[in-house]
Amino acid sequence: MNLQERMRALRKERNETQKQVADAIGITDRQYQRFETGVNLPGFDNLCALADHFGVTLDYLAGRSDVR
Protein backbone atom coordinates (compact mmCIF):
# COMPACT_ATOMS: atom_id res chain seq x y z
CA MET A 1 0.00 0.00 0.00
CA ASN A 2 1.30 3.45 -0.82
CA LEU A 3 0.94 6.70 1.14
CA GLN A 4 -2.32 7.76 -0.50
CA GLU A 5 -3.93 4.36 0.03
CA ARG A 6 -2.84 4.30 3.67
CA MET A 7 -4.19 7.79 4.30
CA ARG A 8 -7.55 6.87 2.78
CA ALA A 9 -7.75 3.54 4.65
CA LEU A 10 -6.84 5.11 8.01
CA ARG A 11 -9.34 7.92 7.51
CA LYS A 12 -12.12 5.47 6.66
CA GLU A 13 -11.23 3.26 9.65
CA ARG A 14 -11.86 6.27 11.87
CA ASN A 15 -15.05 7.20 9.98
CA GLU A 16 -13.73 10.69 9.33
CA THR A 17 -14.26 12.96 6.36
CA GLN A 18 -11.40 14.55 4.49
CA LYS A 19 -12.43 17.87 6.02
CA GLN A 20 -12.28 16.47 9.56
CA VAL A 21 -8.73 15.20 9.03
CA ALA A 22 -7.68 18.45 7.37
CA ASP A 23 -9.10 20.49 10.26
CA ALA A 24 -7.40 18.22 12.80
CA ILE A 25 -3.94 18.77 11.29
CA GLY A 26 -4.44 22.42 10.38
CA ILE A 27 -4.66 22.40 6.59
CA THR A 28 -7.42 23.09 4.08
CA ASP A 29 -9.68 20.28 2.96
CA ARG A 30 -8.56 20.87 -0.63
CA GLN A 31 -4.93 20.43 0.37
CA TYR A 32 -5.78 17.17 2.12
CA GLN A 33 -7.72 15.97 -0.93
CA ARG A 34 -4.64 16.56 -3.06
CA PHE A 35 -2.54 14.50 -0.64
CA GLU A 36 -5.01 11.64 -0.68
CA THR A 37 -5.31 11.61 -4.48
CA GLY A 38 -1.55 11.87 -4.99
CA VAL A 39 -1.64 15.22 -6.80
CA ASN A 40 0.63 16.67 -4.08
CA LEU A 41 2.76 15.00 -1.43
CA PRO A 42 2.65 16.19 2.16
CA GLY A 43 5.75 17.84 3.57
CA PHE A 44 7.52 16.52 6.64
CA ASP A 45 5.47 18.59 9.10
CA ASN A 46 2.20 17.42 7.58
CA LEU A 47 3.40 13.80 7.49
CA CYS A 48 4.22 13.99 11.20
CA ALA A 49 0.84 15.57 11.93
CA LEU A 50 -0.95 12.86 9.94
CA ALA A 51 0.95 10.06 11.69
CA ASP A 52 0.15 11.59 15.08
CA HIS A 53 -3.50 12.08 14.16
CA PHE A 54 -3.90 8.49 12.99
CA GLY A 55 -1.74 7.06 15.79
CA VAL A 56 0.72 5.32 13.47
CA THR A 57 4.43 5.54 12.66
CA LEU A 58 5.77 7.46 9.69
CA ASP A 59 7.02 4.18 8.21
CA TYR A 60 3.54 2.69 8.39
CA LEU A 61 1.95 5.79 6.89
CA ALA A 62 4.47 5.79 4.03
CA GLY A 63 3.90 2.08 3.34
CA ARG A 64 7.42 1.08 4.42
CA SER A 65 6.19 -1.13 7.26
CA ASP A 66 3.09 -3.05 8.21
CA VAL A 67 3.67 -2.35 11.91
CA ARG A 68 1.50 0.52 13.02
PDB file of N, CA and C in Angstrom:
ATOM      1  N   MET A   1       0.834  -1.176   0.000  1.00  0.00           N
ATOM      2  CA  MET A   1       0.000   0.000   0.000  1.00  0.00           C
ATOM      3  C   MET A   1       0.883   1.246   0.000  1.00  0.00           C
ATOM      4  N   ASN A   2       0.520   2.223  -0.791  1.00  0.00           N
ATOM      5  CA  ASN A   2       1.303   3.455  -0.821  1.00  0.00           C
ATOM      6  C   ASN A   2       0.715   4.488   0.145  1.00  0.00           C
ATOM      7  N   LEU A   3       1.347   5.642   0.210  1.00  0.00           N
ATOM      8  CA  LEU A   3       0.940   6.699   1.139  1.00  0.00           C
ATOM      9  C   LEU A   3      -0.523   7.082   0.960  1.00  0.00           C
ATOM     10  N   GLN A   4      -0.940   7.317  -0.263  1.00  0.00           N
ATOM     11  CA  GLN A   4      -2.315   7.759  -0.500  1.00  0.00           C
ATOM     12  C   GLN A   4      -3.326   6.696  -0.055  1.00  0.00           C
ATOM     13  N   GLU A   5      -3.027   5.443  -0.352  1.00  0.00           N
ATOM     14  CA  GLU A   5      -3.932   4.360   0.035  1.00  0.00           C
ATOM     15  C   GLU A   5      -4.007   4.222   1.550  1.00  0.00           C
ATOM     16  N   ARG A   6      -2.854   4.380   2.208  1.00  0.00           N
ATOM     17  CA  ARG A   6      -2.839   4.298   3.674  1.00  0.00           C
ATOM     18  C   ARG A   6      -3.642   5.441   4.285  1.00  0.00           C
ATOM     19  N   MET A   7      -3.454   6.646   3.766  1.00  0.00           N
ATOM     20  CA  MET A   7      -4.187   7.790   4.300  1.00  0.00           C
ATOM     21  C   MET A   7      -5.691   7.564   4.179  1.00  0.00           C
ATOM     22  N   ARG A   8      -6.119   7.113   3.016  1.00  0.00           N
ATOM     23  CA  ARG A   8      -7.546   6.875   2.780  1.00  0.00           C
ATOM     24  C   ARG A   8      -8.069   5.771   3.709  1.00  0.00           C
ATOM     25  N   ALA A   9      -7.318   4.667   3.820  1.00  0.00           N
ATOM     26  CA  ALA A   9      -7.753   3.542   4.653  1.00  0.00           C
ATOM     27  C   ALA A   9      -7.830   3.952   6.131  1.00  0.00           C
ATOM     28  N   LEU A  10      -6.832   4.683   6.610  1.00  0.00           N
ATOM     29  CA  LEU A  10      -6.838   5.114   8.007  1.00  0.00           C
ATOM     30  C   LEU A  10      -7.984   6.078   8.281  1.00  0.00           C
ATOM     31  N   ARG A  11      -8.235   6.975   7.349  1.00  0.00           N
ATOM     32  CA  ARG A  11      -9.336   7.924   7.512  1.00  0.00           C
ATOM     33  C   ARG A  11     -10.669   7.192   7.576  1.00  0.00           C
ATOM     34  N   LYS A  12     -10.858   6.217   6.696  1.00  0.00           N
ATOM     35  CA  LYS A  12     -12.121   5.474   6.663  1.00  0.00           C
ATOM     36  C   LYS A  12     -12.282   4.600   7.907  1.00  0.00           C
ATOM     37  N   GLU A  13     -11.170   4.043   8.414  1.00  0.00           N
ATOM     38  CA  GLU A  13     -11.225   3.261   9.651  1.00  0.00           C
ATOM     39  C   GLU A  13     -11.788   4.094  10.795  1.00  0.00           C
ATOM     40  N   ARG A  14     -11.434   5.365  10.797  1.00  0.00           N
ATOM     41  CA  ARG A  14     -11.858   6.274  11.868  1.00  0.00           C
ATOM     42  C   ARG A  14     -13.192   6.956  11.554  1.00  0.00           C
ATOM     43  N   ASN A  15     -13.787   6.603  10.408  1.00  0.00           N
ATOM     44  CA  ASN A  15     -15.053   7.197   9.983  1.00  0.00           C
ATOM     45  C   ASN A  15     -14.997   8.724   9.973  1.00  0.00           C
ATOM     46  N   GLU A  16     -13.903   9.251   9.419  1.00  0.00           N
ATOM     47  CA  GLU A  16     -13.726  10.693   9.326  1.00  0.00           C
ATOM     48  C   GLU A  16     -13.836  11.135   7.871  1.00  0.00           C
ATOM     49  N   THR A  17     -14.259  12.374   7.697  1.00  0.00           N
ATOM     50  CA  THR A  17     -14.265  12.956   6.362  1.00  0.00           C
ATOM     51  C   THR A  17     -12.892  13.562   6.090  1.00  0.00           C
ATOM     52  N   GLN A  18     -12.649  13.876   4.837  1.00  0.00           N
ATOM     53  CA  GLN A  18     -11.396  14.552   4.493  1.00  0.00           C
ATOM     54  C   GLN A  18     -11.309  15.890   5.215  1.00  0.00           C
ATOM     55  N   LYS A  19     -12.417  16.579   5.333  1.00  0.00           N
ATOM     56  CA  LYS A  19     -12.427  17.870   6.016  1.00  0.00           C
ATOM     57  C   LYS A  19     -12.083  17.723   7.489  1.00  0.00           C
ATOM     58  N   GLN A  20     -12.580  16.689   8.144  1.00  0.00           N
ATOM     59  CA  GLN A  20     -12.277  16.473   9.558  1.00  0.00           C
ATOM     60  C   GLN A  20     -10.778  16.239   9.772  1.00  0.00           C
ATOM     61  N   VAL A  21     -10.170  15.445   8.912  1.00  0.00           N
ATOM     62  CA  VAL A  21      -8.728  15.196   9.032  1.00  0.00           C
ATOM     63  C   VAL A  21      -7.964  16.484   8.765  1.00  0.00           C
ATOM     64  N   ALA A  22      -8.348  17.189   7.712  1.00  0.00           N
ATOM     65  CA  ALA A  22      -7.679  18.450   7.374  1.00  0.00           C
ATOM     66  C   ALA A  22      -7.761  19.434   8.537  1.00  0.00           C
ATOM     67  N   ASP A  23      -8.930  19.582   9.124  1.00  0.00           N
ATOM     68  CA  ASP A  23      -9.101  20.488  10.265  1.00  0.00           C
ATOM     69  C   ASP A  23      -8.232  20.049  11.447  1.00  0.00           C
ATOM     70  N   ALA A  24      -8.159  18.749  11.668  1.00  0.00           N
ATOM     71  CA  ALA A  24      -7.401  18.219  12.805  1.00  0.00           C
ATOM     72  C   ALA A  24      -5.905  18.501  12.691  1.00  0.00           C
ATOM     73  N   ILE A  25      -5.388  18.539  11.452  1.00  0.00           N
ATOM     74  CA  ILE A  25      -3.941  18.773  11.292  1.00  0.00           C
ATOM     75  C   ILE A  25      -3.627  20.188  10.826  1.00  0.00           C
ATOM     76  N   GLY A  26      -4.656  21.007  10.669  1.00  0.00           N
ATOM     77  CA  GLY A  26      -4.440  22.418  10.384  1.00  0.00           C
ATOM     78  C   GLY A  26      -4.149  22.785   8.942  1.00  0.00           C
ATOM     79  N   ILE A  27      -4.803  22.072   8.013  1.00  0.00           N
ATOM     80  CA  ILE A  27      -4.661  22.404   6.587  1.00  0.00           C
ATOM     81  C   ILE A  27      -6.054  22.535   5.988  1.00  0.00           C
ATOM     82  N   THR A  28      -6.120  22.986   4.743  1.00  0.00           N
ATOM     83  CA  THR A  28      -7.417  23.091   4.079  1.00  0.00           C
ATOM     84  C   THR A  28      -7.866  21.715   3.609  1.00  0.00           C
ATOM     85  N   ASP A  29      -9.169  21.566   3.442  1.00  0.00           N
ATOM     86  CA  ASP A  29      -9.681  20.280   2.960  1.00  0.00           C
ATOM     87  C   ASP A  29      -9.203  20.007   1.539  1.00  0.00           C
ATOM     88  N   ARG A  30      -9.055  21.047   0.739  1.00  0.00           N
ATOM     89  CA  ARG A  30      -8.562  20.875  -0.633  1.00  0.00           C
ATOM     90  C   ARG A  30      -7.122  20.354  -0.633  1.00  0.00           C
ATOM     91  N   GLN A  31      -6.321  20.884   0.273  1.00  0.00           N
ATOM     92  CA  GLN A  31      -4.935  20.432   0.373  1.00  0.00           C
ATOM     93  C   GLN A  31      -4.888  18.954   0.776  1.00  0.00           C
ATOM     94  N   TYR A  32      -5.735  18.569   1.721  1.00  0.00           N
ATOM     95  CA  TYR A  32      -5.778  17.167   2.123  1.00  0.00           C
ATOM     96  C   TYR A  32      -6.241  16.286   0.960  1.00  0.00           C
ATOM     97  N   GLN A  33      -7.240  16.737   0.224  1.00  0.00           N
ATOM     98  CA  GLN A  33      -7.720  15.972  -0.931  1.00  0.00           C
ATOM     99  C   GLN A  33      -6.580  15.719  -1.908  1.00  0.00           C
ATOM    100  N   ARG A  34      -5.759  16.721  -2.129  1.00  0.00           N
ATOM    101  CA  ARG A  34      -4.637  16.562  -3.056  1.00  0.00           C
ATOM    102  C   ARG A  34      -3.615  15.565  -2.532  1.00  0.00           C
ATOM    103  N   PHE A  35      -3.431  15.508  -1.219  1.00  0.00           N
ATOM    104  CA  PHE A  35      -2.535  14.501  -0.637  1.00  0.00           C
ATOM    105  C   PHE A  35      -3.108  13.111  -0.875  1.00  0.00           C
ATOM    106  N   GLU A  36      -4.395  12.958  -0.604  1.00  0.00           N
ATOM    107  CA  GLU A  36      -5.014  11.636  -0.684  1.00  0.00           C
ATOM    108  C   GLU A  36      -5.138  11.131  -2.119  1.00  0.00           C
ATOM    109  N   THR A  37      -5.224  12.037  -3.083  1.00  0.00           N
ATOM    110  CA  THR A  37      -5.307  11.614  -4.479  1.00  0.00           C
ATOM    111  C   THR A  37      -3.932  11.503  -5.135  1.00  0.00           C
ATOM    112  N   GLY A  38      -2.897  11.974  -4.450  1.00  0.00           N
ATOM    113  CA  GLY A  38      -1.547  11.868  -4.991  1.00  0.00           C
ATOM    114  C   GLY A  38      -1.147  13.024  -5.891  1.00  0.00           C
ATOM    115  N   VAL A  39      -1.981  14.048  -5.990  1.00  0.00           N
ATOM    116  CA  VAL A  39      -1.639  15.223  -6.797  1.00  0.00           C
ATOM    117  C   VAL A  39      -0.455  15.952  -6.169  1.00  0.00           C
ATOM    118  N   ASN A  40      -0.472  16.068  -4.831  1.00  0.00           N
ATOM    119  CA  ASN A  40       0.626  16.667  -4.077  1.00  0.00           C
ATOM    120  C   ASN A  40       1.053  15.693  -2.992  1.00  0.00           C
ATOM    121  N   LEU A  41       2.288  15.800  -2.558  1.00  0.00           N
ATOM    122  CA  LEU A  41       2.759  15.001  -1.434  1.00  0.00           C
ATOM    123  C   LEU A  41       2.888  15.898  -0.215  1.00  0.00           C
ATOM    124  N   PRO A  42       2.516  15.381   0.957  1.00  0.00           N
ATOM    125  CA  PRO A  42       2.649  16.191   2.160  1.00  0.00           C
ATOM    126  C   PRO A  42       4.116  16.396   2.522  1.00  0.00           C
ATOM    127  N   GLY A  43       4.423  17.566   3.063  1.00  0.00           N
ATOM    128  CA  GLY A  43       5.754  17.837   3.566  1.00  0.00           C
ATOM    129  C   GLY A  43       5.961  17.126   4.900  1.00  0.00           C
ATOM    130  N   PHE A  44       7.173  17.233   5.416  1.00  0.00           N
ATOM    131  CA  PHE A  44       7.517  16.521   6.641  1.00  0.00           C
ATOM    132  C   PHE A  44       6.600  16.889   7.806  1.00  0.00           C
ATOM    133  N   ASP A  45       6.329  18.167   7.997  1.00  0.00           N
ATOM    134  CA  ASP A  45       5.469  18.593   9.103  1.00  0.00           C
ATOM    135  C   ASP A  45       4.071  18.004   8.982  1.00  0.00           C
ATOM    136  N   ASN A  46       3.530  17.992   7.781  1.00  0.00           N
ATOM    137  CA  ASN A  46       2.201  17.417   7.583  1.00  0.00           C
ATOM    138  C   ASN A  46       2.217  15.900   7.728  1.00  0.00           C
ATOM    139  N   LEU A  47       3.293  15.245   7.303  1.00  0.00           N
ATOM    140  CA  LEU A  47       3.405  13.800   7.494  1.00  0.00           C
ATOM    141  C   LEU A  47       3.404  13.459   8.979  1.00  0.00           C
ATOM    142  N   CYS A  48       4.171  14.219   9.752  1.00  0.00           N
ATOM    143  CA  CYS A  48       4.217  13.992  11.197  1.00  0.00           C
ATOM    144  C   CYS A  48       2.848  14.222  11.816  1.00  0.00           C
ATOM    145  N   ALA A  49       2.169  15.277  11.398  1.00  0.00           N
ATOM    146  CA  ALA A  49       0.836  15.574  11.926  1.00  0.00           C
ATOM    147  C   ALA A  49      -0.155  14.460  11.572  1.00  0.00           C
ATOM    148  N   LEU A  50      -0.065  13.951  10.356  1.00  0.00           N
ATOM    149  CA  LEU A  50      -0.947  12.857   9.939  1.00  0.00           C
ATOM    150  C   LEU A  50      -0.670  11.589  10.748  1.00  0.00           C
ATOM    151  N   ALA A  51       0.593  11.249  10.916  1.00  0.00           N
ATOM    152  CA  ALA A  51       0.947  10.058  11.693  1.00  0.00           C
ATOM    153  C   ALA A  51       0.454  10.192  13.131  1.00  0.00           C
ATOM    154  N   ASP A  52       0.631  11.362  13.721  1.00  0.00           N
ATOM    155  CA  ASP A  52       0.147  11.594  15.081  1.00  0.00           C
ATOM    156  C   ASP A  52      -1.377  11.496  15.142  1.00  0.00           C
ATOM    157  N   HIS A  53      -2.030  12.101  14.188  1.00  0.00           N
ATOM    158  CA  HIS A  53      -3.497  12.080  14.159  1.00  0.00           C
ATOM    159  C   HIS A  53      -4.029  10.649  14.055  1.00  0.00           C
ATOM    160  N   PHE A  54      -3.434   9.857  13.190  1.00  0.00           N
ATOM    161  CA  PHE A  54      -3.902   8.490  12.988  1.00  0.00           C
ATOM    162  C   PHE A  54      -3.320   7.500  13.995  1.00  0.00           C
ATOM    163  N   GLY A  55      -2.330   7.935  14.781  1.00  0.00           N
ATOM    164  CA  GLY A  55      -1.740   7.060  15.787  1.00  0.00           C
ATOM    165  C   GLY A  55      -0.875   5.960  15.201  1.00  0.00           C
ATOM    166  N   VAL A  56      -0.154   6.295  14.132  1.00  0.00           N
ATOM    167  CA  VAL A  56       0.720   5.316  13.474  1.00  0.00           C
ATOM    168  C   VAL A  56       2.121   5.911  13.309  1.00  0.00           C
ATOM    169  N   THR A  57       3.074   5.069  12.919  1.00  0.00           N
ATOM    170  CA  THR A  57       4.426   5.545  12.659  1.00  0.00           C
ATOM    171  C   THR A  57       4.512   6.132  11.259  1.00  0.00           C
ATOM    172  N   LEU A  58       5.548   6.919  11.032  1.00  0.00           N
ATOM    173  CA  LEU A  58       5.772   7.465   9.689  1.00  0.00           C
ATOM    174  C   LEU A  58       6.025   6.341   8.691  1.00  0.00           C
ATOM    175  N   ASP A  59       6.761   5.310   9.109  1.00  0.00           N
ATOM    176  CA  ASP A  59       7.024   4.184   8.207  1.00  0.00           C
ATOM    177  C   ASP A  59       5.734   3.483   7.800  1.00  0.00           C
ATOM    178  N   TYR A  60       4.816   3.312   8.737  1.00  0.00           N
ATOM    179  CA  TYR A  60       3.537   2.690   8.394  1.00  0.00           C
ATOM    180  C   TYR A  60       2.760   3.570   7.424  1.00  0.00           C
ATOM    181  N   LEU A  61       2.701   4.858   7.741  1.00  0.00           N
ATOM    182  CA  LEU A  61       1.952   5.791   6.891  1.00  0.00           C
ATOM    183  C   LEU A  61       2.507   5.798   5.475  1.00  0.00           C
ATOM    184  N   ALA A  62       3.821   5.737   5.353  1.00  0.00           N
ATOM    185  CA  ALA A  62       4.468   5.785   4.035  1.00  0.00           C
ATOM    186  C   ALA A  62       4.447   4.441   3.314  1.00  0.00           C
ATOM    187  N   GLY A  63       3.965   3.391   3.979  1.00  0.00           N
ATOM    188  CA  GLY A  63       3.905   2.080   3.337  1.00  0.00           C
ATOM    189  C   GLY A  63       5.208   1.307   3.420  1.00  0.00           C
ATOM    190  N   ARG A  64       6.119   1.748   4.283  1.00  0.00           N
ATOM    191  CA  ARG A  64       7.418   1.083   4.421  1.00  0.00           C
ATOM    192  C   ARG A  64       7.387  -0.039   5.437  1.00  0.00           C
ATOM    193  N   SER A  65       6.322  -0.105   6.221  1.00  0.00           N
ATOM    194  CA  SER A  65       6.193  -1.126   7.264  1.00  0.00           C
ATOM    195  C   SER A  65       4.722  -1.456   7.448  1.00  0.00           C
ATOM    196  N   ASP A  66       4.461  -2.673   7.903  1.00  0.00           N
ATOM    197  CA  ASP A  66       3.091  -3.053   8.208  1.00  0.00           C
ATOM    198  C   ASP A  66       2.830  -2.968   9.701  1.00  0.00           C
ATOM    199  N   VAL A  67       3.817  -2.525  10.465  1.00  0.00           N
ATOM    200  CA  VAL A  67       3.672  -2.350  11.913  1.00  0.00           C
ATOM    201  C   VAL A  67       3.224  -0.923  12.174  1.00  0.00           C
ATOM    202  N   ARG A  68       2.061  -0.814  12.773  1.00  0.00           N
ATOM    203  CA  ARG A  68       1.503   0.515  13.023  1.00  0.00           C
ATOM    204  C   ARG A  68       2.283   1.240  14.073  1.00  0.00           C
TER     205      ARG A  68
END
